[in-house]
Amino acid sequence: MLLSARNTFKEFIKKFNKCISDGFYIIEVNSDKRWYVFHPTDKDNILLGNKESVEEATEFRIIEREKVLEHTIYYIRVPKVLEEPVEDREDYVI
């Protein structure tokens, strides 16, 4: 039984180590541009960026929390090795 639990734990870790990060994004209505949600700047505003990580983003936006919640929010998991471009993948809708 201990061996089975150990093997299950190894497979579980291997599966979740395939991804370097996960996060959320919204799609701008007029331009179909993706804005990735980074973190709140204060209790009313949230920082958004144009790339999956803060280090890679070149454009930033601060938007009110209520306006973010008006959009459809998508969940994304970024794998360590990209099999396909992030823009072409199907993501989860929240």
Protein backbone atom coordinates (compact mmCIF):
# COMPACT_ATOMS: atom_id res chain seq x y z
CA MET A 1 0.00 0.00 0.00
CA LEU A 2 2.85 2.38 0.81
CA LEU A 3 4.44 1.68 -2.58
CA SER A 4 1.15 2.45 -4.34
CA ALA A 5 0.77 5.76 -2.47
CA ARG A 6 4.36 6.69 -3.30
CA ASN A 7 3.89 6.00 -7.02
CA THR A 8 0.61 7.94 -7.08
CA PHE A 9 2.29 10.90 -5.41
CA LYS A 10 5.16 10.82 -7.96
CA GLU A 11 2.71 10.85 -10.87
CA PHE A 12 0.75 13.66 -9.27
CA ILE A 13 3.91 15.79 -8.87
CA LYS A 14 5.04 15.00 -12.42
CA LYS A 15 1.71 16.16 -13.84
CA PHE A 16 1.70 19.48 -11.99
CA ASN A 17 5.39 20.18 -12.66
CA LYS A 18 4.59 20.40 -16.38
CA CYS A 19 3.24 23.90 -15.83
CA ILE A 20 5.28 26.91 -14.80
CA SER A 21 2.33 29.08 -13.92
CA ASP A 22 -1.36 29.57 -14.15
CA GLY A 23 -3.45 32.66 -14.25
CA PHE A 24 -6.43 34.50 -15.62
CA TYR A 25 -7.12 36.76 -18.57
CA ILE A 26 -9.96 38.72 -20.13
CA ILE A 27 -10.54 39.60 -23.77
CA GLU A 28 -11.07 43.23 -24.70
CA VAL A 29 -14.39 43.56 -26.49
CA ASN A 30 -13.50 45.92 -29.33
CA SER A 31 -10.08 44.56 -30.29
CA ASP A 32 -10.08 40.89 -29.15
CA LYS A 33 -6.83 41.63 -27.30
CA ARG A 34 -5.99 39.48 -24.27
CA TRP A 35 -5.26 41.20 -20.97
CA TYR A 36 -3.72 38.98 -18.31
CA VAL A 37 -4.70 39.63 -14.69
CA PHE A 38 -1.61 40.07 -12.47
CA HIS A 39 -2.64 41.35 -9.04
CA PRO A 40 -4.66 44.02 -7.25
CA THR A 41 -2.99 47.41 -6.91
CA ASP A 42 -5.36 48.49 -4.16
CA LYS A 43 -8.81 47.45 -2.94
CA ASP A 44 -10.59 48.83 -6.06
CA ASN A 45 -8.13 48.35 -8.97
CA ILE A 46 -6.36 45.44 -10.68
CA LEU A 47 -3.16 45.43 -12.76
CA LEU A 48 -3.42 43.87 -16.23
CA GLY A 49 -0.73 43.17 -18.81
CA ASN A 50 -0.43 41.99 -22.40
CA LYS A 51 1.69 38.84 -21.68
CA GLU A 52 1.30 35.83 -19.38
CA SER A 53 3.98 37.01 -16.94
CA VAL A 54 4.82 40.42 -15.50
CA GLU A 55 8.45 40.07 -16.63
CA GLU A 56 7.47 39.60 -20.30
CA ALA A 57 4.67 42.18 -20.45
CA THR A 58 5.31 45.38 -22.39
CA GLU A 59 1.90 47.03 -21.93
CA PHE A 60 0.13 47.50 -18.61
CA ARG A 61 -3.30 48.70 -17.63
CA ILE A 62 -5.00 49.40 -14.32
CA ILE A 63 -8.72 48.73 -14.35
CA GLU A 64 -11.44 48.80 -11.74
CA ARG A 65 -12.33 45.44 -10.21
CA GLU A 66 -16.01 45.79 -11.19
CA LYS A 67 -15.07 46.28 -14.85
CA VAL A 68 -12.93 43.13 -14.83
CA LEU A 69 -15.84 41.16 -13.42
CA GLU A 70 -18.09 42.37 -16.26
CA HIS A 71 -15.95 40.37 -18.74
CA THR A 72 -15.74 36.64 -19.22
CA ILE A 73 -12.69 35.50 -17.26
CA TYR A 74 -10.56 32.71 -18.73
CA TYR A 75 -8.22 30.43 -16.78
CA ILE A 76 -4.87 29.56 -18.36
CA ARG A 77 -2.07 27.14 -17.44
CA VAL A 78 1.26 27.89 -19.07
CA PRO A 79 3.33 24.71 -19.62
CA LYS A 80 7.14 24.67 -19.27
CA VAL A 81 7.45 23.41 -22.84
CA LEU A 82 4.95 24.91 -25.24
CA GLU A 83 3.57 22.33 -27.64
CA GLU A 84 1.52 25.02 -29.34
CA PRO A 85 1.32 28.81 -29.04
CA VAL A 86 -0.57 30.01 -25.98
CA GLU A 87 -2.96 32.04 -28.16
CA ASP A 88 -4.13 28.90 -30.02
CA ARG A 89 -5.00 26.80 -26.98
CA GLU A 90 -8.43 26.22 -25.54
CA ASP A 91 -8.65 27.61 -22.01
CA TYR A 92 -11.21 27.24 -19.25
CA VAL A 93 -13.96 29.81 -18.94
CA ILE A 94 -14.89 31.01 -15.47
